[in-house]
């Protein structure tokens, strides 16, 4: 039985929900294209407050059985989703047939992610008592060999309300920056393959429906230049 970290939808968002990838410090252009309601007149910029959403996610979350959470659309499962980069290239991953999540087999991804579990409370003090950061680091260390001096930060949120799976998850997008891409290795190579590629290549794949890129990765890929 697996327990995962969730937040009640209306304890996390206001009356309207973001859709797509929302960066922590939006530019004027990103404000114009994001799918958010406006305050006041129609010409006002959409409201973006990733910091407030993160504060709520950290303070208002709790653990429930995963089987229950998957069936309850009033809950948002918080998923750390980490992009590994050296500032120029990005780690591109493909889940092989022996990987755990069948629905991800064969798909390309630029994020390492997974649910936050109660075990992450034990390591949270090493990450400023931030449970989400602890979960992000655990997921990275389960999948990859990565230098200990890698620097990680939250860069935004990804939310997809267009399908039943996306509607019960919220991705907290992190960037983990490394100095030496050669030091980053996939651990279980029978389940996962990975290599560093250019941002231009990632964007090209995201625009190609035959590339089979995960939805979250496709949404984030559009704005990689802003976050890495």
C-alpha atoms as a PDB file:
ATOM      1  CA  UNK A   1       0.000   0.000   0.000  1.00  0.00           C
ATOM      2  CA  UNK A   2       1.522   3.311  -1.116  1.00  0.00           C
ATOM      3  CA  UNK A   3       0.748   6.672   0.488  1.00  0.00           C
ATOM      4  CA  UNK A   4       1.372   9.854  -1.484  1.00  0.00           C
ATOM      5  CA  UNK A   5       1.366  13.590  -0.823  1.00  0.00           C
ATOM      6  CA  UNK A   6      -1.678  15.532  -2.018  1.00  0.00           C
ATOM      7  CA  UNK A   7      -3.360  18.910  -1.596  1.00  0.00           C
ATOM      8  CA  UNK A   8      -7.068  19.591  -1.905  1.00  0.00           C
ATOM      9  CA  UNK A   9      -7.666  21.344  -5.205  1.00  0.00           C
ATOM     10  CA  UNK A  10      -9.458  24.316  -3.671  1.00  0.00           C
ATOM     11  CA  UNK A  11      -6.847  24.627  -0.923  1.00  0.00           C
ATOM     12  CA  UNK A  12      -4.224  24.971  -3.644  1.00  0.00           C
ATOM     13  CA  UNK A  13      -5.814  27.097  -6.353  1.00  0.00           C
ATOM     14  CA  UNK A  14      -8.308  29.902  -6.333  1.00  0.00           C
ATOM     15  CA  UNK A  15     -11.558  29.580  -8.283  1.00  0.00           C
ATOM     16  CA  UNK A  16      -9.756  29.230 -11.631  1.00  0.00           C
ATOM     17  CA  UNK A  17      -7.011  26.710 -12.381  1.00  0.00           C
ATOM     18  CA  UNK A  18      -3.859  27.303 -14.428  1.00  0.00           C
ATOM     19  CA  UNK A  19      -3.378  25.184 -17.517  1.00  0.00           C
ATOM     20  CA  UNK A  20      -0.016  24.471 -19.098  1.00  0.00           C
ATOM     21  CA  UNK A  21       3.420  25.466 -17.850  1.00  0.00           C
ATOM     22  CA  UNK A  22       3.605  28.556 -15.664  1.00  0.00           C
ATOM     23  CA  UNK A  23       7.056  29.925 -14.849  1.00  0.00           C
ATOM     24  CA  UNK A  24       7.958  31.299 -11.436  1.00  0.00           C
ATOM     25  CA  UNK A  25       8.896  34.734 -12.758  1.00  0.00           C
ATOM     26  CA  UNK A  26       6.762  35.235 -15.847  1.00  0.00           C
ATOM     27  CA  UNK A  27       7.825  37.585 -18.591  1.00  0.00           C
ATOM     28  CA  UNK A  28       5.334  39.941 -20.200  1.00  0.00           C
ATOM     29  CA  UNK A  29       5.093  37.551 -23.149  1.00  0.00           C
ATOM     30  CA  UNK A  30       4.444  34.531 -20.930  1.00  0.00           C
ATOM     31  CA  UNK A  31       1.696  36.414 -19.121  1.00  0.00           C
ATOM     32  CA  UNK A  32      -0.025  37.086 -22.425  1.00  0.00           C
ATOM     33  CA  UNK A  33      -0.099  33.444 -23.542  1.00  0.00           C
ATOM     34  CA  UNK A  34      -0.871  31.695 -20.257  1.00  0.00           C
ATOM     35  CA  UNK A  35      -4.372  30.399 -19.736  1.00  0.00           C
ATOM     36  CA  UNK A  36      -5.288  32.340 -16.601  1.00  0.00           C
ATOM     37  CA  UNK A  37      -8.242  34.556 -15.752  1.00  0.00           C
ATOM     38  CA  UNK A  38      -7.687  38.272 -15.327  1.00  0.00           C
ATOM     39  CA  UNK A  39      -8.525  40.553 -12.438  1.00  0.00           C
ATOM     40  CA  UNK A  40     -10.639  43.469 -13.509  1.00  0.00           C
ATOM     41  CA  UNK A  41     -10.737  44.437 -17.182  1.00  0.00           C
ATOM     42  CA  UNK A  42     -10.083  42.104 -20.078  1.00  0.00           C
ATOM     43  CA  UNK A  43      -6.872  43.949 -20.995  1.00  0.00           C
ATOM     44  CA  UNK A  44      -5.154  43.228 -17.668  1.00  0.00           C
ATOM     45  CA  UNK A  45      -2.355  40.652 -17.515  1.00  0.00           C
ATOM     46  CA  UNK A  46      -3.284  37.212 -16.203  1.00  0.00           C
ATOM     47  CA  UNK A  47      -2.515  36.463 -12.586  1.00  0.00           C
ATOM     48  CA  UNK A  48       0.537  34.300 -11.924  1.00  0.00           C
ATOM     49  CA  UNK A  49       1.548  33.528  -8.379  1.00  0.00           C
ATOM     50  CA  UNK A  50       3.641  30.372  -8.414  1.00  0.00           C
ATOM     51  CA  UNK A  51       5.165  31.398  -5.090  1.00  0.00           C
ATOM     52  CA  UNK A  52       1.762  31.425  -3.439  1.00  0.00           C
ATOM     53  CA  UNK A  53       0.831  28.067  -4.955  1.00  0.00           C
ATOM     54  CA  UNK A  54       4.101  26.592  -3.671  1.00  0.00           C
ATOM     55  CA  UNK A  55       3.452  27.984  -0.203  1.00  0.00           C
ATOM     56  CA  UNK A  56       0.019  26.375  -0.164  1.00  0.00           C
ATOM     57  CA  UNK A  57       1.371  23.073  -1.484  1.00  0.00           C
ATOM     58  CA  UNK A  58       3.941  22.947   1.313  1.00  0.00           C
ATOM     59  CA  UNK A  59       1.592  23.988   4.113  1.00  0.00           C
ATOM     60  CA  UNK A  60      -1.735  22.380   3.215  1.00  0.00           C
ATOM     61  CA  UNK A  61      -0.727  18.952   1.957  1.00  0.00           C
ATOM     62  CA  UNK A  62      -1.214  15.541   3.552  1.00  0.00           C
ATOM     63  CA  UNK A  63      -0.743  11.856   2.740  1.00  0.00           C
ATOM     64  CA  UNK A  64      -3.447   9.541   1.433  1.00  0.00           C
ATOM     65  CA  UNK A  65      -3.480   6.106  -0.140  1.00  0.00           C
ATOM     66  CA  UNK A  66      -2.512   6.381  -3.797  1.00  0.00           C
ATOM     67  CA  UNK A  67      -5.373   4.156  -4.939  1.00  0.00           C
ATOM     68  CA  UNK A  68      -7.821   6.609  -3.366  1.00  0.00           C
ATOM     69  CA  UNK A  69      -6.093   9.712  -4.732  1.00  0.00           C
ATOM     70  CA  UNK A  70      -6.169   8.408  -8.307  1.00  0.00           C
ATOM     71  CA  UNK A  71      -9.969   8.297  -8.154  1.00  0.00           C
ATOM     72  CA  UNK A  72     -10.587  11.611  -6.384  1.00  0.00           C
ATOM     73  CA  UNK A  73     -10.451  14.656  -8.659  1.00  0.00           C
ATOM     74  CA  UNK A  74     -10.789  16.980  -5.647  1.00  0.00           C
ATOM     75  CA  UNK A  75      -7.159  16.128  -4.770  1.00  0.00           C
ATOM     76  CA  UNK A  76      -4.005  17.203  -6.564  1.00  0.00           C
ATOM     77  CA  UNK A  77      -1.072  14.803  -6.341  1.00  0.00           C
ATOM     78  CA  UNK A  78       2.128  16.860  -6.040  1.00  0.00           C
ATOM     79  CA  UNK A  79       4.810  15.553  -8.415  1.00  0.00           C
ATOM     80  CA  UNK A  80       8.374  16.935  -8.366  1.00  0.00           C
ATOM     81  CA  UNK A  81       9.512  17.016 -12.014  1.00  0.00           C
ATOM     82  CA  UNK A  82      13.201  17.782 -12.469  1.00  0.00           C
ATOM     83  CA  UNK A  83      15.065  18.818 -15.613  1.00  0.00           C
ATOM     84  CA  UNK A  84      18.806  18.110 -15.558  1.00  0.00           C
ATOM     85  CA  UNK A  85      20.937  20.586 -17.510  1.00  0.00           C
ATOM     86  CA  UNK A  86      24.350  22.177 -17.747  1.00  0.00           C
ATOM     87  CA  UNK A  87      22.750  25.432 -18.871  1.00  0.00           C
ATOM     88  CA  UNK A  88      23.033  24.614 -22.576  1.00  0.00           C
ATOM     89  CA  UNK A  89      21.977  20.998 -23.117  1.00  0.00           C
ATOM     90  CA  UNK A  90      19.207  19.010 -21.433  1.00  0.00           C
ATOM     91  CA  UNK A  91      19.001  15.376 -20.349  1.00  0.00           C
ATOM     92  CA  UNK A  92      16.551  13.567 -22.623  1.00  0.00           C
ATOM     93  CA  UNK A  93      15.126  10.307 -21.290  1.00  0.00           C
ATOM     94  CA  UNK A  94      13.164   7.405 -22.721  1.00  0.00           C
ATOM     95  CA  UNK A  95      11.359   4.886 -20.523  1.00  0.00           C
ATOM     96  CA  UNK A  96      11.957   1.347 -21.792  1.00  0.00           C
ATOM     97  CA  UNK A  97       9.467  -1.530 -21.731  1.00  0.00           C
ATOM     98  CA  UNK A  98      10.855  -2.853 -18.447  1.00  0.00           C
ATOM     99  CA  UNK A  99      10.140   0.426 -16.679  1.00  0.00           C
ATOM    100  CA  UNK A 100       7.511   0.608 -13.963  1.00  0.00           C
ATOM    101  CA  UNK A 101       4.845   2.898 -15.473  1.00  0.00           C
ATOM    102  CA  UNK A 102       3.375   1.086 -18.481  1.00  0.00           C
ATOM    103  CA  UNK A 103       1.655   4.212 -19.773  1.00  0.00           C
ATOM    104  CA  UNK A 104       5.100   5.864 -20.113  1.00  0.00           C
ATOM    105  CA  UNK A 105       6.811   3.071 -22.044  1.00  0.00           C
ATOM    106  CA  UNK A 106       8.562   4.359 -25.153  1.00  0.00           C
ATOM    107  CA  UNK A 107       7.843   7.997 -24.430  1.00  0.00           C
ATOM    108  CA  UNK A 108      10.444  10.743 -24.376  1.00  0.00           C
ATOM    109  CA  UNK A 109      10.798  12.930 -21.321  1.00  0.00           C
ATOM    110  CA  UNK A 110      12.962  15.762 -20.065  1.00  0.00           C
ATOM    111  CA  UNK A 111      11.778  15.378 -16.469  1.00  0.00           C
ATOM    112  CA  UNK A 112      12.644  12.979 -13.687  1.00  0.00           C
ATOM    113  CA  UNK A 113       9.668  12.783 -11.380  1.00  0.00           C
ATOM    114  CA  UNK A 114       7.424  10.824  -9.103  1.00  0.00           C
ATOM    115  CA  UNK A 115       5.174  10.976  -6.081  1.00  0.00           C
ATOM    116  CA  UNK A 116       6.209  12.298  -2.687  1.00  0.00           C
ATOM    117  CA  UNK A 117       6.078   9.535  -0.066  1.00  0.00           C
ATOM    118  CA  UNK A 118       6.160   9.558   3.759  1.00  0.00           C
ATOM    119  CA  UNK A 119       9.820   8.453   3.649  1.00  0.00           C
ATOM    120  CA  UNK A 120      10.672  11.920   2.322  1.00  0.00           C
ATOM    121  CA  UNK A 121       9.876  13.395   5.734  1.00  0.00           C
ATOM    122  CA  UNK A 122      13.087  11.787   7.017  1.00  0.00           C
ATOM    123  CA  UNK A 123      15.319  13.661   4.565  1.00  0.00           C
ATOM    124  CA  UNK A 124      13.356  16.927   4.511  1.00  0.00           C
ATOM    125  CA  UNK A 125      15.525  18.521   7.261  1.00  0.00           C
ATOM    126  CA  UNK A 126      18.517  18.264   4.895  1.00  0.00           C
ATOM    127  CA  UNK A 127      16.561  20.375   2.400  1.00  0.00           C
ATOM    128  CA  UNK A 128      15.377  23.175   4.645  1.00  0.00           C
ATOM    129  CA  UNK A 129      12.417  21.124   5.888  1.00  0.00           C
ATOM    130  CA  UNK A 130      11.024  21.271   2.350  1.00  0.00           C
ATOM    131  CA  UNK A 131       9.174  18.002   1.704  1.00  0.00           C
ATOM    132  CA  UNK A 132       8.814  18.727  -2.007  1.00  0.00           C
ATOM    133  CA  UNK A 133      12.550  19.315  -2.425  1.00  0.00           C
ATOM    134  CA  UNK A 134      13.276  16.119  -0.490  1.00  0.00           C
ATOM    135  CA  UNK A 135      11.009  14.178  -2.827  1.00  0.00           C
ATOM    136  CA  UNK A 136      12.637  15.740  -5.879  1.00  0.00           C
ATOM    137  CA  UNK A 137      16.126  14.749  -4.741  1.00  0.00           C
ATOM    138  CA  UNK A 138      15.046  11.201  -3.859  1.00  0.00           C
ATOM    139  CA  UNK A 139      13.530  10.691  -7.299  1.00  0.00           C
ATOM    140  CA  UNK A 140      16.674  12.006  -8.978  1.00  0.00           C
ATOM    141  CA  UNK A 141      18.943   9.786  -6.900  1.00  0.00           C
ATOM    142  CA  UNK A 142      16.800   6.719  -7.605  1.00  0.00           C
ATOM    143  CA  UNK A 143      17.114   7.216 -11.360  1.00  0.00           C
ATOM    144  CA  UNK A 144      20.517   8.830 -11.862  1.00  0.00           C
ATOM    145  CA  UNK A 145      24.083   9.141 -10.713  1.00  0.00           C
ATOM    146  CA  UNK A 146      24.433  12.904 -10.360  1.00  0.00           C
ATOM    147  CA  UNK A 147      27.180  15.103  -8.849  1.00  0.00           C
ATOM    148  CA  UNK A 148      26.621  16.077  -5.230  1.00  0.00           C
ATOM    149  CA  UNK A 149      27.248  19.738  -6.075  1.00  0.00           C
ATOM    150  CA  UNK A 150      24.287  19.902  -8.480  1.00  0.00           C
ATOM    151  CA  UNK A 151      22.145  22.974  -7.805  1.00  0.00           C
ATOM    152  CA  UNK A 152      18.366  22.592  -7.842  1.00  0.00           C
ATOM    153  CA  UNK A 153      15.631  25.227  -7.865  1.00  0.00           C
ATOM    154  CA  UNK A 154      11.902  25.464  -8.577  1.00  0.00           C
ATOM    155  CA  UNK A 155      11.204  27.156 -11.916  1.00  0.00           C
ATOM    156  CA  UNK A 156       7.441  26.751 -12.278  1.00  0.00           C
ATOM    157  CA  UNK A 157       4.373  24.550 -12.239  1.00  0.00           C
ATOM    158  CA  UNK A 158       2.825  22.364 -14.917  1.00  0.00           C
ATOM    159  CA  UNK A 159      -0.874  21.555 -14.828  1.00  0.00           C
ATOM    160  CA  UNK A 160      -2.918  19.751 -17.469  1.00  0.00           C
ATOM    161  CA  UNK A 161      -6.666  19.689 -16.929  1.00  0.00           C
ATOM    162  CA  UNK A 162      -7.404  18.263 -20.387  1.00  0.00           C
ATOM    163  CA  UNK A 163      -7.494  14.593 -19.389  1.00  0.00           C
ATOM    164  CA  UNK A 164      -8.349  12.458 -16.315  1.00  0.00           C
ATOM    165  CA  UNK A 165      -4.709  11.600 -15.516  1.00  0.00           C
ATOM    166  CA  UNK A 166      -3.461  15.165 -15.754  1.00  0.00           C
ATOM    167  CA  UNK A 167      -6.362  16.555 -13.773  1.00  0.00           C
ATOM    168  CA  UNK A 168      -5.301  14.789 -10.567  1.00  0.00           C
ATOM    169  CA  UNK A 169      -1.600  15.739 -10.764  1.00  0.00           C
ATOM    170  CA  UNK A 170       0.396  18.951 -10.393  1.00  0.00           C
ATOM    171  CA  UNK A 171       4.022  19.048 -11.512  1.00  0.00           C
ATOM    172  CA  UNK A 172       6.452  21.164  -9.525  1.00  0.00           C
ATOM    173  CA  UNK A 173       9.112  21.776 -12.151  1.00  0.00           C
ATOM    174  CA  UNK A 174      12.700  21.969 -10.915  1.00  0.00           C
ATOM    175  CA  UNK A 175      15.942  22.557 -12.764  1.00  0.00           C
ATOM    176  CA  UNK A 176      19.017  20.701 -11.523  1.00  0.00           C
ATOM    177  CA  UNK A 177      22.123  22.323 -12.950  1.00  0.00           C
ATOM    178  CA  UNK A 178      25.355  20.335 -13.219  1.00  0.00           C
ATOM    179  CA  UNK A 179      28.822  21.454 -14.256  1.00  0.00           C
ATOM    180  CA  UNK A 180      29.819  18.195 -15.939  1.00  0.00           C
ATOM    181  CA  UNK A 181      27.250  16.306 -18.009  1.00  0.00           C
ATOM    182  CA  UNK A 182      29.675  13.395 -18.242  1.00  0.00           C
ATOM    183  CA  UNK A 183      29.145  12.751 -14.543  1.00  0.00           C
ATOM    184  CA  UNK A 184      25.398  12.181 -15.009  1.00  0.00           C
ATOM    185  CA  UNK A 185      24.520   8.532 -15.655  1.00  0.00           C
ATOM    186  CA  UNK A 186      21.319   6.477 -15.745  1.00  0.00           C
ATOM    187  CA  UNK A 187      21.305   3.841 -12.993  1.00  0.00           C
ATOM    188  CA  UNK A 188      18.935   1.168 -14.294  1.00  0.00           C
ATOM    189  CA  UNK A 189      19.845   1.083 -17.964  1.00  0.00           C
ATOM    190  CA  UNK A 190      17.511  -1.818 -18.673  1.00  0.00           C
ATOM    191  CA  UNK A 191      14.597   0.458 -17.723  1.00  0.00           C
ATOM    192  CA  UNK A 192      15.730   3.903 -18.812  1.00  0.00           C
ATOM    193  CA  UNK A 193      18.018   5.428 -21.404  1.00  0.00           C
ATOM    194  CA  UNK A 194      19.245   8.981 -21.481  1.00  0.00           C
ATOM    195  CA  UNK A 195      21.547  11.424 -23.254  1.00  0.00           C
ATOM    196  CA  UNK A 196      22.131  15.164 -23.283  1.00  0.00           C
ATOM    197  CA  UNK A 197      20.808  17.012 -26.315  1.00  0.00           C
ATOM    198  CA  UNK A 198      20.436  20.647 -27.326  1.00  0.00           C
ATOM    199  CA  UNK A 199      17.453  22.791 -26.448  1.00  0.00           C
ATOM    200  CA  UNK A 200      16.747  23.145 -30.176  1.00  0.00           C
ATOM    201  CA  UNK A 201      16.534  19.368 -30.522  1.00  0.00           C
ATOM    202  CA  UNK A 202      14.153  19.113 -27.549  1.00  0.00           C
ATOM    203  CA  UNK A 203      11.880  21.745 -29.067  1.00  0.00           C
ATOM    204  CA  UNK A 204      11.947  19.967 -32.420  1.00  0.00           C
ATOM    205  CA  UNK A 205      10.882  16.707 -30.795  1.00  0.00           C
ATOM    206  CA  UNK A 206       8.160  18.431 -28.786  1.00  0.00           C
ATOM    207  CA  UNK A 207       6.653  19.766 -32.013  1.00  0.00           C
ATOM    208  CA  UNK A 208       6.700  16.324 -33.658  1.00  0.00           C
ATOM    209  CA  UNK A 209       3.675  14.169 -32.660  1.00  0.00           C
ATOM    210  CA  UNK A 210       5.507  11.048 -33.821  1.00  0.00           C
ATOM    211  CA  UNK A 211       8.296  11.668 -31.289  1.00  0.00           C
ATOM    212  CA  UNK A 212       5.990  10.463 -28.492  1.00  0.00           C
ATOM    213  CA  UNK A 213       7.037  13.066 -25.944  1.00  0.00           C
ATOM    214  CA  UNK A 214       5.238  13.140 -22.591  1.00  0.00           C
ATOM    215  CA  UNK A 215       2.643  15.891 -22.319  1.00  0.00           C
ATOM    216  CA  UNK A 216       4.354  17.658 -19.427  1.00  0.00           C
ATOM    217  CA  UNK A 217       7.691  17.604 -21.234  1.00  0.00           C
ATOM    218  CA  UNK A 218       6.079  19.040 -24.365  1.00  0.00           C
ATOM    219  CA  UNK A 219       4.537  21.873 -22.361  1.00  0.00           C
ATOM    220  CA  UNK A 220       7.802  22.704 -20.593  1.00  0.00           C
ATOM    221  CA  UNK A 221       9.899  22.358 -23.773  1.00  0.00           C
ATOM    222  CA  UNK A 222       8.244  25.373 -25.349  1.00  0.00           C
ATOM    223  CA  UNK A 223       9.904  27.613 -22.761  1.00  0.00           C
ATOM    224  CA  UNK A 224      13.179  25.868 -21.989  1.00  0.00           C
ATOM    225  CA  UNK A 225      15.167  28.980 -22.951  1.00  0.00           C
ATOM    226  CA  UNK A 226      13.530  30.897 -20.111  1.00  0.00           C
ATOM    227  CA  UNK A 227      14.207  28.423 -17.339  1.00  0.00           C
ATOM    228  CA  UNK A 228      17.670  26.981 -17.934  1.00  0.00           C
END
